[in-house]
Amino acid sequence: MEQDGALQLAVAFLAESQRDDEPPLAIDTERVRASNGLLIVPYNSVQYLASRDAREQLLDCWPILVDLARGEVRFGTLDERHLWRNTSA
């Protein structure tokens, strides 16, 4: 699967997962990257992404992971943190 298609899957997944009681969320397009056969798609509040002010950042936003071979989309887990913790890509 191409990265552009995988990113569109992640966008749709985030929109479907958004709860009514959450602030508007968006993909952090500057930090999307592929690693280990996955597209790692971080997201956060629209307000934080516009300002990059740490006081606006939502905590506990595990990245969306898209399997580039199968097209499966899901949120990452704590056990998988090693996949996105290393920011050098």
PDB file of N, CA and C in Angstrom:
ATOM      1  N   MET A   1       0.833  -1.172   0.000  1.00  0.00           N
ATOM      2  CA  MET A   1       0.000   0.000   0.000  1.00  0.00           C
ATOM      3  C   MET A   1       0.881   1.239   0.000  1.00  0.00           C
ATOM      4  N   GLU A   2       0.493   2.214  -0.800  1.00  0.00           N
ATOM      5  CA  GLU A   2       1.232   3.477  -0.854  1.00  0.00           C
ATOM      6  C   GLU A   2       0.997   4.278   0.433  1.00  0.00           C
ATOM      7  N   GLN A   3       1.973   5.095   0.792  1.00  0.00           N
ATOM      8  CA  GLN A   3       1.867   5.887   2.017  1.00  0.00           C
ATOM      9  C   GLN A   3       0.714   6.890   1.955  1.00  0.00           C
ATOM     10  N   ASP A   4       0.439   7.456   0.784  1.00  0.00           N
ATOM     11  CA  ASP A   4      -0.667   8.407   0.684  1.00  0.00           C
ATOM     12  C   ASP A   4      -1.998   7.738   0.994  1.00  0.00           C
ATOM     13  N   GLY A   5      -2.198   6.537   0.473  1.00  0.00           N
ATOM     14  CA  GLY A   5      -3.421   5.791   0.752  1.00  0.00           C
ATOM     15  C   GLY A   5      -3.524   5.404   2.219  1.00  0.00           C
ATOM     16  N   ALA A   6      -2.394   5.010   2.800  1.00  0.00           N
ATOM     17  CA  ALA A   6      -2.361   4.650   4.218  1.00  0.00           C
ATOM     18  C   ALA A   6      -2.679   5.862   5.089  1.00  0.00           C
ATOM     19  N   LEU A   7      -2.169   7.020   4.701  1.00  0.00           N
ATOM     20  CA  LEU A   7      -2.458   8.240   5.453  1.00  0.00           C
ATOM     21  C   LEU A   7      -3.954   8.571   5.403  1.00  0.00           C
ATOM     22  N   GLN A   8      -4.577   8.378   4.248  1.00  0.00           N
ATOM     23  CA  GLN A   8      -6.021   8.625   4.141  1.00  0.00           C
ATOM     24  C   GLN A   8      -6.808   7.665   5.034  1.00  0.00           C
ATOM     25  N   LEU A   9      -6.355   6.421   5.144  1.00  0.00           N
ATOM     26  CA  LEU A   9      -6.992   5.479   6.064  1.00  0.00           C
ATOM     27  C   LEU A   9      -6.881   5.966   7.507  1.00  0.00           C
ATOM     28  N   ALA A  10      -5.713   6.498   7.854  1.00  0.00           N
ATOM     29  CA  ALA A  10      -5.502   7.008   9.216  1.00  0.00           C
ATOM     30  C   ALA A  10      -6.392   8.215   9.494  1.00  0.00           C
ATOM     31  N   VAL A  11      -6.532   9.096   8.525  1.00  0.00           N
ATOM     32  CA  VAL A  11      -7.397  10.271   8.685  1.00  0.00           C
ATOM     33  C   VAL A  11      -8.839   9.833   8.939  1.00  0.00           C
ATOM     34  N   ALA A  12      -9.321   8.889   8.150  1.00  0.00           N
ATOM     35  CA  ALA A  12     -10.685   8.383   8.316  1.00  0.00           C
ATOM     36  C   ALA A  12     -10.842   7.681   9.667  1.00  0.00           C
ATOM     37  N   PHE A  13      -9.839   6.912  10.074  1.00  0.00           N
ATOM     38  CA  PHE A  13      -9.868   6.207  11.353  1.00  0.00           C
ATOM     39  C   PHE A  13      -9.966   7.199  12.511  1.00  0.00           C
ATOM     40  N   LEU A  14      -9.174   8.266  12.452  1.00  0.00           N
ATOM     41  CA  LEU A  14      -9.207   9.278  13.501  1.00  0.00           C
ATOM     42  C   LEU A  14     -10.576   9.946  13.553  1.00  0.00           C
ATOM     43  N   ALA A  15     -11.128  10.279  12.409  1.00  0.00           N
ATOM     44  CA  ALA A  15     -12.446  10.917  12.368  1.00  0.00           C
ATOM     45  C   ALA A  15     -13.515   9.998  12.970  1.00  0.00           C
ATOM     46  N   GLU A  16     -13.455   8.712  12.654  1.00  0.00           N
ATOM     47  CA  GLU A  16     -14.428   7.747  13.185  1.00  0.00           C
ATOM     48  C   GLU A  16     -14.247   7.526  14.683  1.00  0.00           C
ATOM     49  N   SER A  17     -13.024   7.676  15.164  1.00  0.00           N
ATOM     50  CA  SER A  17     -12.717   7.419  16.571  1.00  0.00           C
ATOM     51  C   SER A  17     -12.966   8.629  17.462  1.00  0.00           C
ATOM     52  N   GLN A  18     -13.097   9.792  16.872  1.00  0.00           N
ATOM     53  CA  GLN A  18     -13.257  11.041  17.640  1.00  0.00           C
ATOM     54  C   GLN A  18     -14.545  10.996  18.455  1.00  0.00           C
ATOM     55  N   ARG A  19     -14.421  11.287  19.737  1.00  0.00           N
ATOM     56  CA  ARG A  19     -15.583  11.354  20.619  1.00  0.00           C
ATOM     57  C   ARG A  19     -16.110  12.790  20.668  1.00  0.00           C
ATOM     58  N   ASP A  20     -17.383  12.919  20.975  1.00  0.00           N
ATOM     59  CA  ASP A  20     -18.012  14.238  21.046  1.00  0.00           C
ATOM     60  C   ASP A  20     -17.427  15.112  22.153  1.00  0.00           C
ATOM     61  N   ASP A  21     -16.913  14.490  23.210  1.00  0.00           N
ATOM     62  CA  ASP A  21     -16.391  15.261  24.343  1.00  0.00           C
ATOM     63  C   ASP A  21     -14.903  15.620  24.193  1.00  0.00           C
ATOM     64  N   GLU A  22     -14.312  15.310  23.067  1.00  0.00           N
ATOM     65  CA  GLU A  22     -12.901  15.637  22.815  1.00  0.00           C
ATOM     66  C   GLU A  22     -12.806  16.923  22.003  1.00  0.00           C
ATOM     67  N   PRO A  23     -11.700  17.655  22.184  1.00  0.00           N
ATOM     68  CA  PRO A  23     -11.473  18.802  21.302  1.00  0.00           C
ATOM     69  C   PRO A  23     -11.211  18.294  19.887  1.00  0.00           C
ATOM     70  N   PRO A  24     -11.326  19.146  18.889  1.00  0.00           N
ATOM     71  CA  PRO A  24     -11.030  18.713  17.515  1.00  0.00           C
ATOM     72  C   PRO A  24      -9.598  18.167  17.423  1.00  0.00           C
ATOM     73  N   LEU A  25      -9.471  17.032  16.748  1.00  0.00           N
ATOM     74  CA  LEU A  25      -8.176  16.373  16.585  1.00  0.00           C
ATOM     75  C   LEU A  25      -7.762  16.402  15.125  1.00  0.00           C
ATOM     76  N   ALA A  26      -6.442  16.357  14.890  1.00  0.00           N
ATOM     77  CA  ALA A  26      -5.917  16.338  13.528  1.00  0.00           C
ATOM     78  C   ALA A  26      -4.611  15.556  13.505  1.00  0.00           C
ATOM     79  N   ILE A  27      -4.274  15.079  12.327  1.00  0.00           N
ATOM     80  CA  ILE A  27      -3.017  14.367  12.102  1.00  0.00           C
ATOM     81  C   ILE A  27      -1.862  15.366  12.155  1.00  0.00           C
ATOM     82  N   ASP A  28      -0.785  14.970  12.795  1.00  0.00           N
ATOM     83  CA  ASP A  28       0.442  15.766  12.841  1.00  0.00           C
ATOM     84  C   ASP A  28       1.264  15.404  11.604  1.00  0.00           C
ATOM     85  N   THR A  29       0.919  15.998  10.473  1.00  0.00           N
ATOM     86  CA  THR A  29       1.508  15.615   9.188  1.00  0.00           C
ATOM     87  C   THR A  29       3.024  15.788   9.145  1.00  0.00           C
ATOM     88  N   GLU A  30       3.562  16.698   9.946  1.00  0.00           N
ATOM     89  CA  GLU A  30       5.013  16.904   9.971  1.00  0.00           C
ATOM     90  C   GLU A  30       5.759  15.706  10.541  1.00  0.00           C
ATOM     91  N   ARG A  31       5.073  14.887  11.324  1.00  0.00           N
ATOM     92  CA  ARG A  31       5.748  13.789  12.015  1.00  0.00           C
ATOM     93  C   ARG A  31       5.325  12.402  11.549  1.00  0.00           C
ATOM     94  N   VAL A  32       4.553  12.319  10.482  1.00  0.00           N
ATOM     95  CA  VAL A  32       4.174  11.024   9.925  1.00  0.00           C
ATOM     96  C   VAL A  32       5.416  10.395   9.301  1.00  0.00           C
ATOM     97  N   ARG A  33       5.604   9.095   9.561  1.00  0.00           N
ATOM     98  CA  ARG A  33       6.754   8.411   8.962  1.00  0.00           C
ATOM     99  C   ARG A  33       6.482   6.924   8.857  1.00  0.00           C
ATOM    100  N   ALA A  34       7.220   6.279   7.990  1.00  0.00           N
ATOM    101  CA  ALA A  34       7.117   4.830   7.828  1.00  0.00           C
ATOM    102  C   ALA A  34       8.290   4.171   8.535  1.00  0.00           C
ATOM    103  N   SER A  35       8.005   3.054   9.201  1.00  0.00           N
ATOM    104  CA  SER A  35       9.034   2.301   9.901  1.00  0.00           C
ATOM    105  C   SER A  35       8.513   0.891  10.153  1.00  0.00           C
ATOM    106  N   ASN A  36       9.360  -0.089   9.954  1.00  0.00           N
ATOM    107  CA  ASN A  36       9.017  -1.490  10.243  1.00  0.00           C
ATOM    108  C   ASN A  36       7.726  -1.938   9.561  1.00  0.00           C
ATOM    109  N   GLY A  37       7.473  -1.474   8.346  1.00  0.00           N
ATOM    110  CA  GLY A  37       6.278  -1.886   7.616  1.00  0.00           C
ATOM    111  C   GLY A  37       5.001  -1.196   8.062  1.00  0.00           C
ATOM    112  N   LEU A  38       5.148  -0.184   8.901  1.00  0.00           N
ATOM    113  CA  LEU A  38       3.999   0.562   9.406  1.00  0.00           C
ATOM    114  C   LEU A  38       4.116   2.026   9.035  1.00  0.00           C
ATOM    115  N   LEU A  39       2.982   2.651   8.776  1.00  0.00           N
ATOM    116  CA  LEU A  39       2.950   4.104   8.708  1.00  0.00           C
ATOM    117  C   LEU A  39       2.566   4.556  10.107  1.00  0.00           C
ATOM    118  N   ILE A  40       3.420   5.328  10.735  1.00  0.00           N
ATOM    119  CA  ILE A  40       3.209   5.819  12.096  1.00  0.00           C
ATOM    120  C   ILE A  40       2.654   7.229  11.976  1.00  0.00           C
ATOM    121  N   VAL A  41       1.413   7.394  12.449  1.00  0.00           N
ATOM    122  CA  VAL A  41       0.663   8.622  12.218  1.00  0.00           C
ATOM    123  C   VAL A  41       0.290   9.262  13.556  1.00  0.00           C
ATOM    124  N   PRO A  42       1.112  10.194  14.041  1.00  0.00           N
ATOM    125  CA  PRO A  42       0.766  10.879  15.282  1.00  0.00           C
ATOM    126  C   PRO A  42      -0.357  11.894  15.048  1.00  0.00           C
ATOM    127  N   TYR A  43      -1.057  12.202  16.103  1.00  0.00           N
ATOM    128  CA  TYR A  43      -2.133  13.195  16.034  1.00  0.00           C
ATOM    129  C   TYR A  43      -2.210  13.910  17.372  1.00  0.00           C
ATOM    130  N   ASN A  44      -2.922  15.015  17.395  1.00  0.00           N
ATOM    131  CA  ASN A  44      -3.155  15.751  18.632  1.00  0.00           C
ATOM    132  C   ASN A  44      -4.257  16.758  18.367  1.00  0.00           C
ATOM    133  N   SER A  45      -4.474  17.646  19.311  1.00  0.00           N
ATOM    134  CA  SER A  45      -5.534  18.636  19.130  1.00  0.00           C
ATOM    135  C   SER A  45      -5.131  19.632  18.041  1.00  0.00           C
ATOM    136  N   VAL A  46      -6.120  20.138  17.360  1.00  0.00           N
ATOM    137  CA  VAL A  46      -5.886  21.150  16.326  1.00  0.00           C
ATOM    138  C   VAL A  46      -5.191  22.356  16.945  1.00  0.00           C
ATOM    139  N   GLN A  47      -5.610  22.718  18.140  1.00  0.00           N
ATOM    140  CA  GLN A  47      -5.022  23.886  18.824  1.00  0.00           C
ATOM    141  C   GLN A  47      -3.531  23.681  19.084  1.00  0.00           C
ATOM    142  N   TYR A  48      -3.143  22.503  19.560  1.00  0.00           N
ATOM    143  CA  TYR A  48      -1.732  22.239  19.800  1.00  0.00           C
ATOM    144  C   TYR A  48      -0.944  22.242  18.496  1.00  0.00           C
ATOM    145  N   LEU A  49      -1.457  21.601  17.482  1.00  0.00           N
ATOM    146  CA  LEU A  49      -0.726  21.518  16.216  1.00  0.00           C
ATOM    147  C   LEU A  49      -0.529  22.895  15.588  1.00  0.00           C
ATOM    148  N   ALA A  50      -1.453  23.812  15.825  1.00  0.00           N
ATOM    149  CA  ALA A  50      -1.308  25.172  15.295  1.00  0.00           C
ATOM    150  C   ALA A  50      -0.249  25.960  16.047  1.00  0.00           C
ATOM    151  N   SER A  51      -0.138  25.730  17.343  1.00  0.00           N
ATOM    152  CA  SER A  51       0.761  26.539  18.170  1.00  0.00           C
ATOM    153  C   SER A  51       2.058  25.835  18.564  1.00  0.00           C
ATOM    154  N   ARG A  52       2.020  24.514  18.661  1.00  0.00           N
ATOM    155  CA  ARG A  52       3.124  23.701  19.197  1.00  0.00           C
ATOM    156  C   ARG A  52       3.460  24.116  20.626  1.00  0.00           C
ATOM    157  N   ASP A  53       2.505  24.720  21.303  1.00  0.00           N
ATOM    158  CA  ASP A  53       2.667  25.116  22.696  1.00  0.00           C
ATOM    159  C   ASP A  53       2.391  23.887  23.555  1.00  0.00           C
ATOM    160  N   ALA A  54       3.383  23.459  24.315  1.00  0.00           N
ATOM    161  CA  ALA A  54       3.259  22.237  25.113  1.00  0.00           C
ATOM    162  C   ALA A  54       2.088  22.293  26.081  1.00  0.00           C
ATOM    163  N   ARG A  55       1.679  23.473  26.483  1.00  0.00           N
ATOM    164  CA  ARG A  55       0.528  23.603  27.399  1.00  0.00           C
ATOM    165  C   ARG A  55      -0.784  23.221  26.719  1.00  0.00           C
ATOM    166  N   GLU A  56      -0.800  23.208  25.388  1.00  0.00           N
ATOM    167  CA  GLU A  56      -1.999  22.859  24.626  1.00  0.00           C
ATOM    168  C   GLU A  56      -2.025  21.387  24.202  1.00  0.00           C
ATOM    169  N   GLN A  57      -0.907  20.700  24.407  1.00  0.00           N
ATOM    170  CA  GLN A  57      -0.779  19.324  23.935  1.00  0.00           C
ATOM    171  C   GLN A  57      -1.659  18.375  24.744  1.00  0.00           C
ATOM    172  N   LEU A  58      -2.377  17.520  24.045  1.00  0.00           N
ATOM    173  CA  LEU A  58      -3.141  16.467  24.711  1.00  0.00           C
ATOM    174  C   LEU A  58      -2.204  15.303  24.981  1.00  0.00           C
ATOM    175  N   LEU A  59      -2.291  14.756  26.164  1.00  0.00           N
ATOM    176  CA  LEU A  59      -1.470  13.605  26.517  1.00  0.00           C
ATOM    177  C   LEU A  59      -2.251  12.342  26.186  1.00  0.00           C
ATOM    178  N   ASP A  60      -1.569  11.248  26.101  1.00  0.00           N
ATOM    179  CA  ASP A  60      -2.207   9.952  25.869  1.00  0.00           C
ATOM    180  C   ASP A  60      -2.795   9.814  24.469  1.00  0.00           C
ATOM    181  N   CYS A  61      -2.188  10.453  23.492  1.00  0.00           N
ATOM    182  CA  CYS A  61      -2.594  10.293  22.096  1.00  0.00           C
ATOM    183  C   CYS A  61      -1.633   9.309  21.433  1.00  0.00           C
ATOM    184  N   TRP A  62      -1.927   8.027  21.578  1.00  0.00           N
ATOM    185  CA  TRP A  62      -1.074   7.012  20.968  1.00  0.00           C
ATOM    186  C   TRP A  62      -1.211   7.118  19.453  1.00  0.00           C
ATOM    187  N   PRO A  63      -0.122   7.055  18.710  1.00  0.00           N
ATOM    188  CA  PRO A  63      -0.211   7.214  17.259  1.00  0.00           C
ATOM    189  C   PRO A  63      -1.083   6.146  16.609  1.00  0.00           C
ATOM    190  N   ILE A  64      -1.591   6.486  15.473  1.00  0.00           N
ATOM    191  CA  ILE A  64      -2.319   5.546  14.643  1.00  0.00           C
ATOM    192  C   ILE A  64      -1.275   4.774  13.845  1.00  0.00           C
ATOM    193  N   LEU A  65      -1.436   3.469  13.768  1.00  0.00           N
ATOM    194  CA  LEU A  65      -0.522   2.620  13.018  1.00  0.00           C
ATOM    195  C   LEU A  65      -1.274   1.999  11.853  1.00  0.00           C
ATOM    196  N   VAL A  66      -0.703   2.135  10.657  1.00  0.00           N
ATOM    197  CA  VAL A  66      -1.291   1.534   9.468  1.00  0.00           C
ATOM    198  C   VAL A  66      -0.294   0.515   8.937  1.00  0.00           C
ATOM    199  N   ASP A  67      -0.723  -0.730   8.854  1.00  0.00           N
ATOM    200  CA  ASP A  67       0.114  -1.786   8.302  1.00  0.00           C
ATOM    201  C   ASP A  67       0.160  -1.583   6.788  1.00  0.00           C
ATOM    202  N   LEU A  68       1.333  -1.289   6.252  1.00  0.00           N
ATOM    203  CA  LEU A  68       1.466  -0.965   4.833  1.00  0.00           C
ATOM    204  C   LEU A  68       1.269  -2.178   3.924  1.00  0.00           C
ATOM    205  N   ALA A  69       1.398  -3.375   4.448  1.00  0.00           N
ATOM    206  CA  ALA A  69       1.187  -4.576   3.632  1.00  0.00           C
ATOM    207  C   ALA A  69      -0.291  -4.968   3.590  1.00  0.00           C
ATOM    208  N   ARG A  70      -0.976  -4.836   4.719  1.00  0.00           N
ATOM    209  CA  ARG A  70      -2.362  -5.308   4.812  1.00  0.00           C
ATOM    210  C   ARG A  70      -3.408  -4.200   4.852  1.00  0.00           C
ATOM    211  N   GLY A  71      -2.985  -2.966   5.111  1.00  0.00           N
ATOM    212  CA  GLY A  71      -3.942  -1.867   5.185  1.00  0.00           C
ATOM    213  C   GLY A  71      -4.752  -1.835   6.468  1.00  0.00           C
ATOM    214  N   GLU A  72      -4.320  -2.579   7.478  1.00  0.00           N
ATOM    215  CA  GLU A  72      -5.009  -2.581   8.765  1.00  0.00           C
ATOM    216  C   GLU A  72      -4.642  -1.327   9.547  1.00  0.00           C
ATOM    217  N   VAL A  73      -5.645  -0.736  10.200  1.00  0.00           N
ATOM    218  CA  VAL A  73      -5.456   0.524  10.925  1.00  0.00           C
ATOM    219  C   VAL A  73      -5.878   0.327  12.373  1.00  0.00           C
ATOM    220  N   ARG A  74      -5.060   0.847  13.281  1.00  0.00           N
ATOM    221  CA  ARG A  74      -5.387   0.762  14.705  1.00  0.00           C
ATOM    222  C   ARG A  74      -4.536   1.765  15.469  1.00  0.00           C
ATOM    223  N   PHE A  75      -4.902   1.965  16.730  1.00  0.00           N
ATOM    224  CA  PHE A  75      -4.069   2.788  17.589  1.00  0.00           C
ATOM    225  C   PHE A  75      -2.903   1.960  18.097  1.00  0.00           C
ATOM    226  N   GLY A  76      -1.763   2.590  18.276  1.00  0.00           N
ATOM    227  CA  GLY A  76      -0.617   1.923  18.869  1.00  0.00           C
ATOM    228  C   GLY A  76      -0.874   1.663  20.346  1.00  0.00           C
ATOM    229  N   THR A  77      -0.056   0.800  20.928  1.00  0.00           N
ATOM    230  CA  THR A  77      -0.188   0.462  22.340  1.00  0.00           C
ATOM    231  C   THR A  77       1.108   0.797  23.073  1.00  0.00           C
ATOM    232  N   LEU A  78       1.020   0.808  24.377  1.00  0.00           N
ATOM    233  CA  LEU A  78       2.186   1.088  25.195  1.00  0.00           C
ATOM    234  C   LEU A  78       3.319   0.110  24.892  1.00  0.00           C
ATOM    235  N   ASP A  79       2.994  -1.143  24.675  1.00  0.00           N
ATOM    236  CA  ASP A  79       4.013  -2.153  24.380  1.00  0.00           C
ATOM    237  C   ASP A  79       4.751  -1.881  23.068  1.00  0.00           C
ATOM    238  N   GLU A  80       4.142  -1.097  22.192  1.00  0.00           N
ATOM    239  CA  GLU A  80       4.742  -0.799  20.889  1.00  0.00           C
ATOM    240  C   GLU A  80       5.453   0.549  20.859  1.00  0.00           C
ATOM    241  N   ARG A  81       5.590   1.179  21.978  1.00  0.00           N
ATOM    242  CA  ARG A  81       6.171   2.527  22.036  1.00  0.00           C
ATOM    243  C   ARG A  81       7.540   2.607  21.355  1.00  0.00           C
ATOM    244  N   HIS A  82       8.277   1.516  21.400  1.00  0.00           N
ATOM    245  CA  HIS A  82       9.604   1.511  20.778  1.00  0.00           C
ATOM    246  C   HIS A  82       9.529   1.788  19.270  1.00  0.00           C
ATOM    247  N   LEU A  83       8.381   1.536  18.655  1.00  0.00           N
ATOM    248  CA  LEU A  83       8.240   1.760  17.203  1.00  0.00           C
ATOM    249  C   LEU A  83       8.296   3.227  16.831  1.00  0.00           C
ATOM    250  N   TRP A  84       7.790   4.095  17.682  1.00  0.00           N
ATOM    251  CA  TRP A  84       7.754   5.518  17.342  1.00  0.00           C
ATOM    252  C   TRP A  84       8.605   6.384  18.269  1.00  0.00           C
ATOM    253  N   ARG A  85       9.154   5.795  19.314  1.00  0.00           N
ATOM    254  CA  ARG A  85       9.927   6.589  20.269  1.00  0.00           C
ATOM    255  C   ARG A  85      11.178   7.187  19.639  1.00  0.00           C
ATOM    256  N   ASN A  86      11.839   6.441  18.798  1.00  0.00           N
ATOM    257  CA  ASN A  86      13.045   6.917  18.118  1.00  0.00           C
ATOM    258  C   ASN A  86      12.584   7.836  16.978  1.00  0.00           C
ATOM    259  N   THR A  87      12.833   9.132  17.124  1.00  0.00           N
ATOM    260  CA  THR A  87      12.342  10.096  16.139  1.00  0.00           C
ATOM    261  C   THR A  87      13.257  10.248  14.938  1.00  0.00           C
ATOM    262  N   SER A  88      14.418   9.624  14.927  1.00  0.00           N
ATOM    263  CA  SER A  88      15.273   9.714  13.747  1.00  0.00           C
ATOM    264  C   SER A  88      14.710   8.782  12.685  1.00  0.00           C
ATOM    265  N   ALA A  89      14.429   9.363  11.521  1.00  0.00           N
ATOM    266  CA  ALA A  89      13.840   8.542  10.463  1.00  0.00           C
ATOM    267  C   ALA A  89      14.646   8.680   9.202  1.00  0.00           C
TER     268      ALA A  89
END
